[in-house]
Amino acid sequence: MVTDSIFYIGIVLLLTHELDAISCHEWRMFPFICRLEESLGYRVFVMLHIPLLILIFWFITHSSESMRYGFQICMDIFFILHLGIHYLFRLHPKNEFRGTFSKSLIGLTALAGFVHLILIV
């Protein structure tokens, strides 16, 4: 189904952004994590993604149809809000998401969420 494909594109774009977030030292902008020593902050940031990814993959593969639908709506909203969060933090002194590549991943994730949300609601 086309709508599922758009949702999966959004998920893949988000995961790719998270890979990029490591090279952009995103943990330096997070409250509490930014106060940690650099290598510890990096490890905490990466490790926090484990439960998040488990939840994402569980909902994609093991939830009922109605749960999956609700999960997709929540993720679509998150994709869009995530763009807003990055916009609010655009002037943060530790923000390294300045290049076209990084901004494109964030923007395309939001676009996929918006299109998917419009199609399923």
PDB file of N, CA and C in Angstrom:
ATOM      1  N   MET A   1       0.839  -1.181   0.000  1.00  0.00           N
ATOM      2  CA  MET A   1       0.000   0.000   0.000  1.00  0.00           C
ATOM      3  C   MET A   1       0.890   1.254   0.000  1.00  0.00           C
ATOM      4  N   VAL A   2       0.485   2.264  -0.737  1.00  0.00           N
ATOM      5  CA  VAL A   2       1.266   3.492  -0.867  1.00  0.00           C
ATOM      6  C   VAL A   2       1.426   4.190   0.483  1.00  0.00           C
ATOM      7  N   THR A   3       0.371   4.237   1.268  1.00  0.00           N
ATOM      8  CA  THR A   3       0.455   4.933   2.554  1.00  0.00           C
ATOM      9  C   THR A   3       1.470   4.272   3.478  1.00  0.00           C
ATOM     10  N   ASP A   4       1.499   2.935   3.491  1.00  0.00           N
ATOM     11  CA  ASP A   4       2.504   2.247   4.303  1.00  0.00           C
ATOM     12  C   ASP A   4       3.906   2.578   3.821  1.00  0.00           C
ATOM     13  N   SER A   5       4.091   2.634   2.510  1.00  0.00           N
ATOM     14  CA  SER A   5       5.411   2.958   1.956  1.00  0.00           C
ATOM     15  C   SER A   5       5.862   4.344   2.407  1.00  0.00           C
ATOM     16  N   ILE A   6       4.947   5.297   2.403  1.00  0.00           N
ATOM     17  CA  ILE A   6       5.295   6.651   2.845  1.00  0.00           C
ATOM     18  C   ILE A   6       5.661   6.648   4.327  1.00  0.00           C
ATOM     19  N   PHE A   7       4.910   5.893   5.121  1.00  0.00           N
ATOM     20  CA  PHE A   7       5.233   5.797   6.548  1.00  0.00           C
ATOM     21  C   PHE A   7       6.617   5.193   6.747  1.00  0.00           C
ATOM     22  N   TYR A   8       6.920   4.106   6.035  1.00  0.00           N
ATOM     23  CA  TYR A   8       8.231   3.470   6.178  1.00  0.00           C
ATOM     24  C   TYR A   8       9.346   4.385   5.698  1.00  0.00           C
ATOM     25  N   ILE A   9       9.093   5.176   4.671  1.00  0.00           N
ATOM     26  CA  ILE A   9      10.087   6.164   4.231  1.00  0.00           C
ATOM     27  C   ILE A   9      10.354   7.156   5.364  1.00  0.00           C
ATOM     28  N   GLY A  10       9.292   7.590   6.052  1.00  0.00           N
ATOM     29  CA  GLY A  10       9.462   8.482   7.196  1.00  0.00           C
ATOM     30  C   GLY A  10      10.301   7.849   8.295  1.00  0.00           C
ATOM     31  N   ILE A  11      10.032   6.591   8.600  1.00  0.00           N
ATOM     32  CA  ILE A  11      10.818   5.874   9.619  1.00  0.00           C
ATOM     33  C   ILE A  11      12.280   5.798   9.209  1.00  0.00           C
ATOM     34  N   VAL A  12      12.525   5.426   7.966  1.00  0.00           N
ATOM     35  CA  VAL A  12      13.904   5.299   7.473  1.00  0.00           C
ATOM     36  C   VAL A  12      14.612   6.657   7.500  1.00  0.00           C
ATOM     37  N   LEU A  13      13.911   7.707   7.109  1.00  0.00           N
ATOM     38  CA  LEU A  13      14.508   9.044   7.157  1.00  0.00           C
ATOM     39  C   LEU A  13      14.835   9.444   8.599  1.00  0.00           C
ATOM     40  N   LEU A  14      13.943   9.118   9.532  1.00  0.00           N
ATOM     41  CA  LEU A  14      14.212   9.424  10.935  1.00  0.00           C
ATOM     42  C   LEU A  14      15.443   8.657  11.431  1.00  0.00           C
ATOM     43  N   LEU A  15      15.509   7.378  11.108  1.00  0.00           N
ATOM     44  CA  LEU A  15      16.663   6.576  11.541  1.00  0.00           C
ATOM     45  C   LEU A  15      17.954   7.085  10.909  1.00  0.00           C
ATOM     46  N   THR A  16      17.881   7.496   9.652  1.00  0.00           N
ATOM     47  CA  THR A  16      19.062   8.045   8.990  1.00  0.00           C
ATOM     48  C   THR A  16      19.456   9.364   9.651  1.00  0.00           C
ATOM     49  N   HIS A  17      18.473  10.167  10.010  1.00  0.00           N
ATOM     50  CA  HIS A  17      18.753  11.399  10.744  1.00  0.00           C
ATOM     51  C   HIS A  17      19.441  11.080  12.072  1.00  0.00           C
ATOM     52  N   GLU A  18      19.006  10.042  12.744  1.00  0.00           N
ATOM     53  CA  GLU A  18      19.630   9.681  14.021  1.00  0.00           C
ATOM     54  C   GLU A  18      21.084   9.260  13.837  1.00  0.00           C
ATOM     55  N   LEU A  19      21.392   8.606  12.729  1.00  0.00           N
ATOM     56  CA  LEU A  19      22.796   8.313  12.420  1.00  0.00           C
ATOM     57  C   LEU A  19      23.572   9.617  12.220  1.00  0.00           C
ATOM     58  N   ASP A  20      22.972  10.537  11.482  1.00  0.00           N
ATOM     59  CA  ASP A  20      23.586  11.844  11.255  1.00  0.00           C
ATOM     60  C   ASP A  20      23.731  12.603  12.571  1.00  0.00           C
ATOM     61  N   ALA A  21      22.769  12.417  13.482  1.00  0.00           N
ATOM     62  CA  ALA A  21      22.800  13.108  14.775  1.00  0.00           C
ATOM     63  C   ALA A  21      24.038  12.738  15.578  1.00  0.00           C
ATOM     64  N   ILE A  22      24.538  11.534  15.376  1.00  0.00           N
ATOM     65  CA  ILE A  22      25.757  11.134  16.074  1.00  0.00           C
ATOM     66  C   ILE A  22      26.928  11.960  15.564  1.00  0.00           C
ATOM     67  N   SER A  23      27.028  12.097  14.235  1.00  0.00           N
ATOM     68  CA  SER A  23      28.147  12.881  13.697  1.00  0.00           C
ATOM     69  C   SER A  23      27.998  14.365  14.013  1.00  0.00           C
ATOM     70  N   CYS A  24      26.773  14.806  14.284  1.00  0.00           N
ATOM     71  CA  CYS A  24      26.516  16.211  14.636  1.00  0.00           C
ATOM     72  C   CYS A  24      26.512  16.442  16.149  1.00  0.00           C
ATOM     73  N   HIS A  25      26.874  15.433  16.912  1.00  0.00           N
ATOM     74  CA  HIS A  25      26.982  15.546  18.372  1.00  0.00           C
ATOM     75  C   HIS A  25      25.707  16.101  19.019  1.00  0.00           C
ATOM     76  N   GLU A  26      24.569  15.544  18.624  1.00  0.00           N
ATOM     77  CA  GLU A  26      23.281  16.070  19.090  1.00  0.00           C
ATOM     78  C   GLU A  26      23.140  16.031  20.612  1.00  0.00           C
ATOM     79  N   TRP A  27      23.790  15.094  21.267  1.00  0.00           N
ATOM     80  CA  TRP A  27      23.663  14.982  22.722  1.00  0.00           C
ATOM     81  C   TRP A  27      24.142  16.251  23.412  1.00  0.00           C
ATOM     82  N   ARG A  28      24.942  17.044  22.763  1.00  0.00           N
ATOM     83  CA  ARG A  28      25.440  18.281  23.365  1.00  0.00           C
ATOM     84  C   ARG A  28      24.324  19.315  23.548  1.00  0.00           C
ATOM     85  N   MET A  29      23.192  19.111  22.903  1.00  0.00           N
ATOM     86  CA  MET A  29      22.059  20.034  23.037  1.00  0.00           C
ATOM     87  C   MET A  29      20.999  19.527  24.011  1.00  0.00           C
ATOM     88  N   PHE A  30      21.094  18.267  24.430  1.00  0.00           N
ATOM     89  CA  PHE A  30      20.084  17.678  25.305  1.00  0.00           C
ATOM     90  C   PHE A  30      20.335  18.071  26.756  1.00  0.00           C
ATOM     91  N   PRO A  31      19.266  18.515  27.454  1.00  0.00           N
ATOM     92  CA  PRO A  31      19.437  18.787  28.886  1.00  0.00           C
ATOM     93  C   PRO A  31      19.934  17.525  29.596  1.00  0.00           C
ATOM     94  N   PHE A  32      20.727  17.683  30.572  1.00  0.00           N
ATOM     95  CA  PHE A  32      21.311  16.625  31.401  1.00  0.00           C
ATOM     96  C   PHE A  32      22.440  15.892  30.666  1.00  0.00           C
ATOM     97  N   ILE A  33      22.180  15.386  29.479  1.00  0.00           N
ATOM     98  CA  ILE A  33      23.232  14.664  28.753  1.00  0.00           C
ATOM     99  C   ILE A  33      24.372  15.612  28.395  1.00  0.00           C
ATOM    100  N   CYS A  34      24.052  16.856  28.098  1.00  0.00           N
ATOM    101  CA  CYS A  34      25.082  17.817  27.699  1.00  0.00           C
ATOM    102  C   CYS A  34      26.068  18.098  28.831  1.00  0.00           C
ATOM    103  N   ARG A  35      25.674  17.808  30.045  1.00  0.00           N
ATOM    104  CA  ARG A  35      26.548  18.065  31.197  1.00  0.00           C
ATOM    105  C   ARG A  35      27.548  16.937  31.440  1.00  0.00           C
ATOM    106  N   LEU A  36      27.331  15.818  30.774  1.00  0.00           N
ATOM    107  CA  LEU A  36      28.214  14.672  30.960  1.00  0.00           C
ATOM    108  C   LEU A  36      29.516  14.862  30.209  1.00  0.00           C
ATOM    109  N   GLU A  37      30.536  14.132  30.633  1.00  0.00           N
ATOM    110  CA  GLU A  37      31.796  14.106  29.892  1.00  0.00           C
ATOM    111  C   GLU A  37      31.492  13.618  28.471  1.00  0.00           C
ATOM    112  N   GLU A  38      32.194  14.117  27.492  1.00  0.00           N
ATOM    113  CA  GLU A  38      31.881  13.904  26.078  1.00  0.00           C
ATOM    114  C   GLU A  38      31.641  12.433  25.711  1.00  0.00           C
ATOM    115  N   SER A  39      32.557  11.554  26.051  1.00  0.00           N
ATOM    116  CA  SER A  39      32.401  10.150  25.639  1.00  0.00           C
ATOM    117  C   SER A  39      31.237   9.479  26.371  1.00  0.00           C
ATOM    118  N   LEU A  40      30.975   9.869  27.602  1.00  0.00           N
ATOM    119  CA  LEU A  40      29.828   9.330  28.330  1.00  0.00           C
ATOM    120  C   LEU A  40      28.527   9.870  27.732  1.00  0.00           C
ATOM    121  N   GLY A  41      28.495  11.140  27.395  1.00  0.00           N
ATOM    122  CA  GLY A  41      27.313  11.730  26.764  1.00  0.00           C
ATOM    123  C   GLY A  41      26.983  11.029  25.458  1.00  0.00           C
ATOM    124  N   TYR A  42      28.004  10.735  24.674  1.00  0.00           N
ATOM    125  CA  TYR A  42      27.821  10.002  23.421  1.00  0.00           C
ATOM    126  C   TYR A  42      27.202   8.626  23.682  1.00  0.00           C
ATOM    127  N   ARG A  43      27.763   7.900  24.636  1.00  0.00           N
ATOM    128  CA  ARG A  43      27.272   6.550  24.928  1.00  0.00           C
ATOM    129  C   ARG A  43      25.843   6.577  25.461  1.00  0.00           C
ATOM    130  N   VAL A  44      25.529   7.517  26.341  1.00  0.00           N
ATOM    131  CA  VAL A  44      24.167   7.631  26.876  1.00  0.00           C
ATOM    132  C   VAL A  44      23.197   7.949  25.736  1.00  0.00           C
ATOM    133  N   PHE A  45      23.552   8.886  24.872  1.00  0.00           N
ATOM    134  CA  PHE A  45      22.711   9.252  23.734  1.00  0.00           C
ATOM    135  C   PHE A  45      22.425   8.040  22.858  1.00  0.00           C
ATOM    136  N   VAL A  46      23.458   7.293  22.535  1.00  0.00           N
ATOM    137  CA  VAL A  46      23.278   6.108  21.685  1.00  0.00           C
ATOM    138  C   VAL A  46      22.444   5.057  22.403  1.00  0.00           C
ATOM    139  N   MET A  47      22.725   4.803  23.661  1.00  0.00           N
ATOM    140  CA  MET A  47      22.008   3.767  24.410  1.00  0.00           C
ATOM    141  C   MET A  47      20.532   4.111  24.603  1.00  0.00           C
ATOM    142  N   LEU A  48      20.199   5.388  24.705  1.00  0.00           N
ATOM    143  CA  LEU A  48      18.790   5.779  24.846  1.00  0.00           C
ATOM    144  C   LEU A  48      17.985   5.418  23.602  1.00  0.00           C
ATOM    145  N   HIS A  49      18.651   5.235  22.491  1.00  0.00           N
ATOM    146  CA  HIS A  49      17.950   4.857  21.262  1.00  0.00           C
ATOM    147  C   HIS A  49      17.525   3.385  21.259  1.00  0.00           C
ATOM    148  N   ILE A  50      18.132   2.565  22.081  1.00  0.00           N
ATOM    149  CA  ILE A  50      17.785   1.137  22.098  1.00  0.00           C
ATOM    150  C   ILE A  50      16.322   0.924  22.478  1.00  0.00           C
ATOM    151  N   PRO A  51      15.842   1.446  23.619  1.00  0.00           N
ATOM    152  CA  PRO A  51      14.414   1.225  23.931  1.00  0.00           C
ATOM    153  C   PRO A  51      13.492   1.902  22.922  1.00  0.00           C
ATOM    154  N   LEU A  52      13.889   3.037  22.396  1.00  0.00           N
ATOM    155  CA  LEU A  52      13.058   3.708  21.390  1.00  0.00           C
ATOM    156  C   LEU A  52      12.925   2.861  20.130  1.00  0.00           C
ATOM    157  N   LEU A  53      14.027   2.295  19.685  1.00  0.00           N
ATOM    158  CA  LEU A  53      13.983   1.460  18.481  1.00  0.00           C
ATOM    159  C   LEU A  53      13.226   0.161  18.728  1.00  0.00           C
ATOM    160  N   ILE A  54      13.360  -0.393  19.906  1.00  0.00           N
ATOM    161  CA  ILE A  54      12.585  -1.596  20.241  1.00  0.00           C
ATOM    162  C   ILE A  54      11.093  -1.294  20.143  1.00  0.00           C
ATOM    163  N   LEU A  55      10.668  -0.165  20.717  1.00  0.00           N
ATOM    164  CA  LEU A  55       9.247   0.213  20.651  1.00  0.00           C
ATOM    165  C   LEU A  55       8.781   0.431  19.215  1.00  0.00           C
ATOM    166  N   ILE A  56       9.574   1.141  18.436  1.00  0.00           N
ATOM    167  CA  ILE A  56       9.202   1.386  17.040  1.00  0.00           C
ATOM    168  C   ILE A  56       9.033   0.075  16.292  1.00  0.00           C
ATOM    169  N   PHE A  57      10.023  -0.797  16.385  1.00  0.00           N
ATOM    170  CA  PHE A  57       9.955  -2.058  15.646  1.00  0.00           C
ATOM    171  C   PHE A  57       8.866  -2.980  16.188  1.00  0.00           C
ATOM    172  N   TRP A  58       8.617  -2.923  17.494  1.00  0.00           N
ATOM    173  CA  TRP A  58       7.543  -3.750  18.046  1.00  0.00           C
ATOM    174  C   TRP A  58       6.193  -3.299  17.490  1.00  0.00           C
ATOM    175  N   PHE A  59       5.940  -1.998  17.530  1.00  0.00           N
ATOM    176  CA  PHE A  59       4.651  -1.498  17.030  1.00  0.00           C
ATOM    177  C   PHE A  59       4.478  -1.767  15.540  1.00  0.00           C
ATOM    178  N   ILE A  60       5.568  -1.714  14.789  1.00  0.00           N
ATOM    179  CA  ILE A  60       5.473  -1.980  13.354  1.00  0.00           C
ATOM    180  C   ILE A  60       5.157  -3.444  13.079  1.00  0.00           C
ATOM    181  N   THR A  61       5.698  -4.337  13.888  1.00  0.00           N
ATOM    182  CA  THR A  61       5.602  -5.761  13.560  1.00  0.00           C
ATOM    183  C   THR A  61       4.646  -6.577  14.412  1.00  0.00           C
ATOM    184  N   HIS A  62       4.313  -6.140  15.623  1.00  0.00           N
ATOM    185  CA  HIS A  62       3.549  -6.999  16.530  1.00  0.00           C
ATOM    186  C   HIS A  62       2.229  -6.435  17.025  1.00  0.00           C
ATOM    187  N   SER A  63       1.919  -5.230  16.682  1.00  0.00           N
ATOM    188  CA  SER A  63       0.700  -4.648  17.241  1.00  0.00           C
ATOM    189  C   SER A  63      -0.507  -4.960  16.362  1.00  0.00           C
ATOM    190  N   SER A  64      -1.677  -4.800  16.943  1.00  0.00           N
ATOM    191  CA  SER A  64      -2.919  -5.004  16.188  1.00  0.00           C
ATOM    192  C   SER A  64      -3.071  -3.891  15.161  1.00  0.00           C
ATOM    193  N   GLU A  65      -4.006  -4.075  14.263  1.00  0.00           N
ATOM    194  CA  GLU A  65      -4.237  -3.069  13.207  1.00  0.00           C
ATOM    195  C   GLU A  65      -4.581  -1.703  13.805  1.00  0.00           C
ATOM    196  N   SER A  66      -5.443  -1.677  14.820  1.00  0.00           N
ATOM    197  CA  SER A  66      -5.831  -0.389  15.416  1.00  0.00           C
ATOM    198  C   SER A  66      -4.662   0.239  16.175  1.00  0.00           C
ATOM    199  N   MET A  67      -3.860  -0.582  16.855  1.00  0.00           N
ATOM    200  CA  MET A  67      -2.680  -0.054  17.541  1.00  0.00           C
ATOM    201  C   MET A  67      -1.669   0.487  16.540  1.00  0.00           C
ATOM    202  N   ARG A  68      -1.482  -0.218  15.443  1.00  0.00           N
ATOM    203  CA  ARG A  68      -0.539   0.203  14.406  1.00  0.00           C
ATOM    204  C   ARG A  68      -0.987   1.539  13.801  1.00  0.00           C
ATOM    205  N   TYR A  69      -2.280   1.681  13.583  1.00  0.00           N
ATOM    206  CA  TYR A  69      -2.847   2.919  13.046  1.00  0.00           C
ATOM    207  C   TYR A  69      -2.582   4.083  14.008  1.00  0.00           C
ATOM    208  N   GLY A  70      -2.862   3.875  15.288  1.00  0.00           N
ATOM    209  CA  GLY A  70      -2.609   4.906  16.291  1.00  0.00           C
ATOM    210  C   GLY A  70      -1.136   5.236  16.404  1.00  0.00           C
ATOM    211  N   PHE A  71      -0.299   4.209  16.339  1.00  0.00           N
ATOM    212  CA  PHE A  71       1.146   4.405  16.390  1.00  0.00           C
ATOM    213  C   PHE A  71       1.615   5.237  15.206  1.00  0.00           C
ATOM    214  N   GLN A  72       1.093   4.939  14.022  1.00  0.00           N
ATOM    215  CA  GLN A  72       1.485   5.684  12.831  1.00  0.00           C
ATOM    216  C   GLN A  72       1.090   7.158  12.947  1.00  0.00           C
ATOM    217  N   ILE A  73      -0.099   7.413  13.471  1.00  0.00           N
ATOM    218  CA  ILE A  73      -0.531   8.804  13.666  1.00  0.00           C
ATOM    219  C   ILE A  73       0.410   9.508  14.641  1.00  0.00           C
ATOM    220  N   CYS A  74       0.732   8.845  15.744  1.00  0.00           N
ATOM    221  CA  CYS A  74       1.651   9.438  16.725  1.00  0.00           C
ATOM    222  C   CYS A  74       3.019   9.705  16.117  1.00  0.00           C
ATOM    223  N   MET A  75       3.524   8.766  15.342  1.00  0.00           N
ATOM    224  CA  MET A  75       4.830   8.957  14.705  1.00  0.00           C
ATOM    225  C   MET A  75       4.782  10.087  13.684  1.00  0.00           C
ATOM    226  N   ASP A  76       3.703  10.162  12.903  1.00  0.00           N
ATOM    227  CA  ASP A  76       3.567  11.256  11.937  1.00  0.00           C
ATOM    228  C   ASP A  76       3.608  12.605  12.638  1.00  0.00           C
ATOM    229  N   ILE A  77       2.886  12.713  13.736  1.00  0.00           N
ATOM    230  CA  ILE A  77       2.883  13.959  14.509  1.00  0.00           C
ATOM    231  C   ILE A  77       4.277  14.239  15.045  1.00  0.00           C
ATOM    232  N   PHE A  78       4.949  13.189  15.539  1.00  0.00           N
ATOM    233  CA  PHE A  78       6.317  13.374  16.019  1.00  0.00           C
ATOM    234  C   PHE A  78       7.240  13.838  14.894  1.00  0.00           C
ATOM    235  N   PHE A  79       7.129  13.237  13.702  1.00  0.00           N
ATOM    236  CA  PHE A  79       7.965  13.646  12.571  1.00  0.00           C
ATOM    237  C   PHE A  79       7.830  15.146  12.322  1.00  0.00           C
ATOM    238  N   ILE A  80       6.604  15.647  12.403  1.00  0.00           N
ATOM    239  CA  ILE A  80       6.350  17.067  12.147  1.00  0.00           C
ATOM    240  C   ILE A  80       6.868  17.925  13.306  1.00  0.00           C
ATOM    241  N   LEU A  81       6.570  17.519  14.541  1.00  0.00           N
ATOM    242  CA  LEU A  81       7.047  18.269  15.706  1.00  0.00           C
ATOM    243  C   LEU A  81       8.572  18.258  15.800  1.00  0.00           C
ATOM    244  N   HIS A  82       9.171  17.175  15.369  1.00  0.00           N
ATOM    245  CA  HIS A  82      10.632  17.046  15.377  1.00  0.00           C
ATOM    246  C   HIS A  82      11.267  18.150  14.536  1.00  0.00           C
ATOM    247  N   LEU A  83      10.657  18.459  13.391  1.00  0.00           N
ATOM    248  CA  LEU A  83      11.128  19.576  12.565  1.00  0.00           C
ATOM    249  C   LEU A  83      11.026  20.877  13.355  1.00  0.00           C
ATOM    250  N   GLY A  84       9.916  21.063  14.059  1.00  0.00           N
ATOM    251  CA  GLY A  84       9.736  22.259  14.868  1.00  0.00           C
ATOM    252  C   GLY A  84      10.772  22.381  15.975  1.00  0.00           C
ATOM    253  N   ILE A  85      11.099  21.272  16.600  1.00  0.00           N
ATOM    254  CA  ILE A  85      12.114  21.277  17.659  1.00  0.00           C
ATOM    255  C   ILE A  85      13.462  21.695  17.082  1.00  0.00           C
ATOM    256  N   HIS A  86      13.813  21.123  15.930  1.00  0.00           N
ATOM    257  CA  HIS A  86      15.084  21.511  15.308  1.00  0.00           C
ATOM    258  C   HIS A  86      15.071  22.978  14.891  1.00  0.00           C
ATOM    259  N   TYR A  87      13.913  23.467  14.474  1.00  0.00           N
ATOM    260  CA  TYR A  87      13.812  24.890  14.134  1.00  0.00           C
ATOM    261  C   TYR A  87      14.047  25.752  15.375  1.00  0.00           C
ATOM    262  N   LEU A  88      13.438  25.382  16.492  1.00  0.00           N
ATOM    263  CA  LEU A  88      13.616  26.150  17.732  1.00  0.00           C
ATOM    264  C   LEU A  88      15.068  26.150  18.203  1.00  0.00           C
ATOM    265  N   PHE A  89      15.784  25.044  17.941  1.00  0.00           N
ATOM    266  CA  PHE A  89      17.167  24.915  18.395  1.00  0.00           C
ATOM    267  C   PHE A  89      18.179  25.330  17.327  1.00  0.00           C
ATOM    268  N   ARG A  90      17.713  25.930  16.238  1.00  0.00           N
ATOM    269  CA  ARG A  90      18.605  26.260  15.123  1.00  0.00           C
ATOM    270  C   ARG A  90      19.733  27.214  15.524  1.00  0.00           C
ATOM    271  N   LEU A  91      19.507  28.045  16.544  1.00  0.00           N
ATOM    272  CA  LEU A  91      20.528  29.000  16.972  1.00  0.00           C
ATOM    273  C   LEU A  91      21.300  28.540  18.209  1.00  0.00           C
ATOM    274  N   HIS A  92      21.006  27.331  18.670  1.00  0.00           N
ATOM    275  CA  HIS A  92      21.714  26.794  19.838  1.00  0.00           C
ATOM    276  C   HIS A  92      23.207  26.752  19.511  1.00  0.00           C
ATOM    277  N   PRO A  93      24.042  27.217  20.425  1.00  0.00           N
ATOM    278  CA  PRO A  93      25.487  27.272  20.128  1.00  0.00           C
ATOM    279  C   PRO A  93      26.119  25.903  19.844  1.00  0.00           C
ATOM    280  N   LYS A  94      25.515  24.834  20.305  1.00  0.00           N
ATOM    281  CA  LYS A  94      26.065  23.495  20.072  1.00  0.00           C
ATOM    282  C   LYS A  94      25.407  22.784  18.885  1.00  0.00           C
ATOM    283  N   ASN A  95      24.524  23.466  18.182  1.00  0.00           N
ATOM    284  CA  ASN A  95      23.820  22.861  17.051  1.00  0.00           C
ATOM    285  C   ASN A  95      24.768  22.720  15.865  1.00  0.00           C
ATOM    286  N   GLU A  96      24.969  21.492  15.423  1.00  0.00           N
ATOM    287  CA  GLU A  96      25.829  21.221  14.271  1.00  0.00           C
ATOM    288  C   GLU A  96      25.023  20.761  13.052  1.00  0.00           C
ATOM    289  N   PHE A  97      23.704  20.849  13.119  1.00  0.00           N
ATOM    290  CA  PHE A  97      22.849  20.482  11.984  1.00  0.00           C
ATOM    291  C   PHE A  97      22.725  21.689  11.053  1.00  0.00           C
ATOM    292  N   ARG A  98      23.798  22.086  10.453  1.00  0.00           N
ATOM    293  CA  ARG A  98      23.803  23.298   9.643  1.00  0.00           C
ATOM    294  C   ARG A  98      23.808  23.008   8.141  1.00  0.00           C
ATOM    295  N   GLY A  99      24.258  21.840   7.743  1.00  0.00           N
ATOM    296  CA  GLY A  99      24.387  21.537   6.326  1.00  0.00           C
ATOM    297  C   GLY A  99      23.074  21.140   5.673  1.00  0.00           C
ATOM    298  N   THR A 100      23.080  21.198   4.344  1.00  0.00           N
ATOM    299  CA  THR A 100      21.905  20.835   3.557  1.00  0.00           C
ATOM    300  C   THR A 100      21.504  19.381   3.787  1.00  0.00           C
ATOM    301  N   PHE A 101      22.491  18.496   3.897  1.00  0.00           N
ATOM    302  CA  PHE A 101      22.202  17.075   4.100  1.00  0.00           C
ATOM    303  C   PHE A 101      21.405  16.864   5.383  1.00  0.00           C
ATOM    304  N   SER A 102      21.893  17.405   6.489  1.00  0.00           N
ATOM    305  CA  SER A 102      21.222  17.242   7.782  1.00  0.00           C
ATOM    306  C   SER A 102      19.830  17.866   7.768  1.00  0.00           C
ATOM    307  N   LYS A 103      19.741  19.065   7.241  1.00  0.00           N
ATOM    308  CA  LYS A 103      18.443  19.752   7.197  1.00  0.00           C
ATOM    309  C   LYS A 103      17.467  19.020   6.284  1.00  0.00           C
ATOM    310  N   SER A 104      17.967  18.435   5.202  1.00  0.00           N
ATOM    311  CA  SER A 104      17.097  17.694   4.280  1.00  0.00           C
ATOM    312  C   SER A 104      16.513  16.461   4.944  1.00  0.00           C
ATOM    313  N   LEU A 105      17.328  15.738   5.715  1.00  0.00           N
ATOM    314  CA  LEU A 105      16.818  14.553   6.412  1.00  0.00           C
ATOM    315  C   LEU A 105      15.693  14.940   7.367  1.00  0.00           C
ATOM    316  N   ILE A 106      15.883  16.018   8.100  1.00  0.00           N
ATOM    317  CA  ILE A 106      14.884  16.470   9.063  1.00  0.00           C
ATOM    318  C   ILE A 106      13.616  16.927   8.339  1.00  0.00           C
ATOM    319  N   GLY A 107      13.791  17.724   7.297  1.00  0.00           N
ATOM    320  CA  GLY A 107      12.643  18.242   6.550  1.00  0.00           C
ATOM    321  C   GLY A 107      11.879  17.166   5.814  1.00  0.00           C
ATOM    322  N   LEU A 108      12.598  16.222   5.195  1.00  0.00           N
ATOM    323  CA  LEU A 108      11.927  15.148   4.465  1.00  0.00           C
ATOM    324  C   LEU A 108      11.186  14.204   5.402  1.00  0.00           C
ATOM    325  N   THR A 109      11.716  14.010   6.605  1.00  0.00           N
ATOM    326  CA  THR A 109      11.009  13.205   7.604  1.00  0.00           C
ATOM    327  C   THR A 109       9.671  13.856   7.940  1.00  0.00           C
ATOM    328  N   ALA A 110       9.698  15.161   8.171  1.00  0.00           N
ATOM    329  CA  ALA A 110       8.457  15.890   8.473  1.00  0.00           C
ATOM    330  C   ALA A 110       7.494  15.840   7.287  1.00  0.00           C
ATOM    331  N   LEU A 111       8.022  15.974   6.087  1.00  0.00           N
ATOM    332  CA  LEU A 111       7.179  15.918   4.896  1.00  0.00           C
ATOM    333  C   LEU A 111       6.514  14.549   4.768  1.00  0.00           C
ATOM    334  N   ALA A 112       7.277  13.492   4.981  1.00  0.00           N
ATOM    335  CA  ALA A 112       6.707  12.137   4.924  1.00  0.00           C
ATOM    336  C   ALA A 112       5.611  11.983   5.971  1.00  0.00           C
ATOM    337  N   GLY A 113       5.841  12.488   7.180  1.00  0.00           N
ATOM    338  CA  GLY A 113       4.830  12.418   8.236  1.00  0.00           C
ATOM    339  C   GLY A 113       3.579  13.192   7.869  1.00  0.00           C
ATOM    340  N   PHE A 114       3.762  14.376   7.294  1.00  0.00           N
ATOM    341  CA  PHE A 114       2.621  15.212   6.917  1.00  0.00           C
ATOM    342  C   PHE A 114       1.800  14.538   5.817  1.00  0.00           C
ATOM    343  N   VAL A 115       2.483  14.061   4.769  1.00  0.00           N
ATOM    344  CA  VAL A 115       1.777  13.416   3.654  1.00  0.00           C
ATOM    345  C   VAL A 115       1.057  12.165   4.139  1.00  0.00           C
ATOM    346  N   HIS A 116       1.737  11.339   4.929  1.00  0.00           N
ATOM    347  CA  HIS A 116       1.128  10.119   5.432  1.00  0.00           C
ATOM    348  C   HIS A 116      -0.093  10.429   6.300  1.00  0.00           C
ATOM    349  N   LEU A 117       0.053  11.428   7.167  1.00  0.00           N
ATOM    350  CA  LEU A 117      -1.050  11.807   8.040  1.00  0.00           C
ATOM    351  C   LEU A 117      -2.264  12.267   7.238  1.00  0.00           C
ATOM    352  N   ILE A 118      -2.025  13.065   6.222  1.00  0.00           N
ATOM    353  CA  ILE A 118      -3.124  13.537   5.363  1.00  0.00           C
ATOM    354  C   ILE A 118      -3.812  12.345   4.677  1.00  0.00           C
ATOM    355  N   LEU A 119      -3.023  11.376   4.229  1.00  0.00           N
ATOM    356  CA  LEU A 119      -3.582  10.241   3.500  1.00  0.00           C
ATOM    357  C   LEU A 119      -4.377   9.280   4.378  1.00  0.00           C
ATOM    358  N   ILE A 120      -4.005   9.152   5.650  1.00  0.00           N
ATOM    359  CA  ILE A 120      -4.696   8.150   6.482  1.00  0.00           C
ATOM    360  C   ILE A 120      -5.817   8.737   7.334  1.00  0.00           C
ATOM    361  N   VAL A 121      -5.845  10.039   7.485  1.00  0.00           N
ATOM    362  CA  VAL A 121      -6.879  10.641   8.348  1.00  0.00           C
ATOM    363  C   VAL A 121      -8.077  11.067   7.548  1.00  0.00           C
TER     364      VAL A 121
END
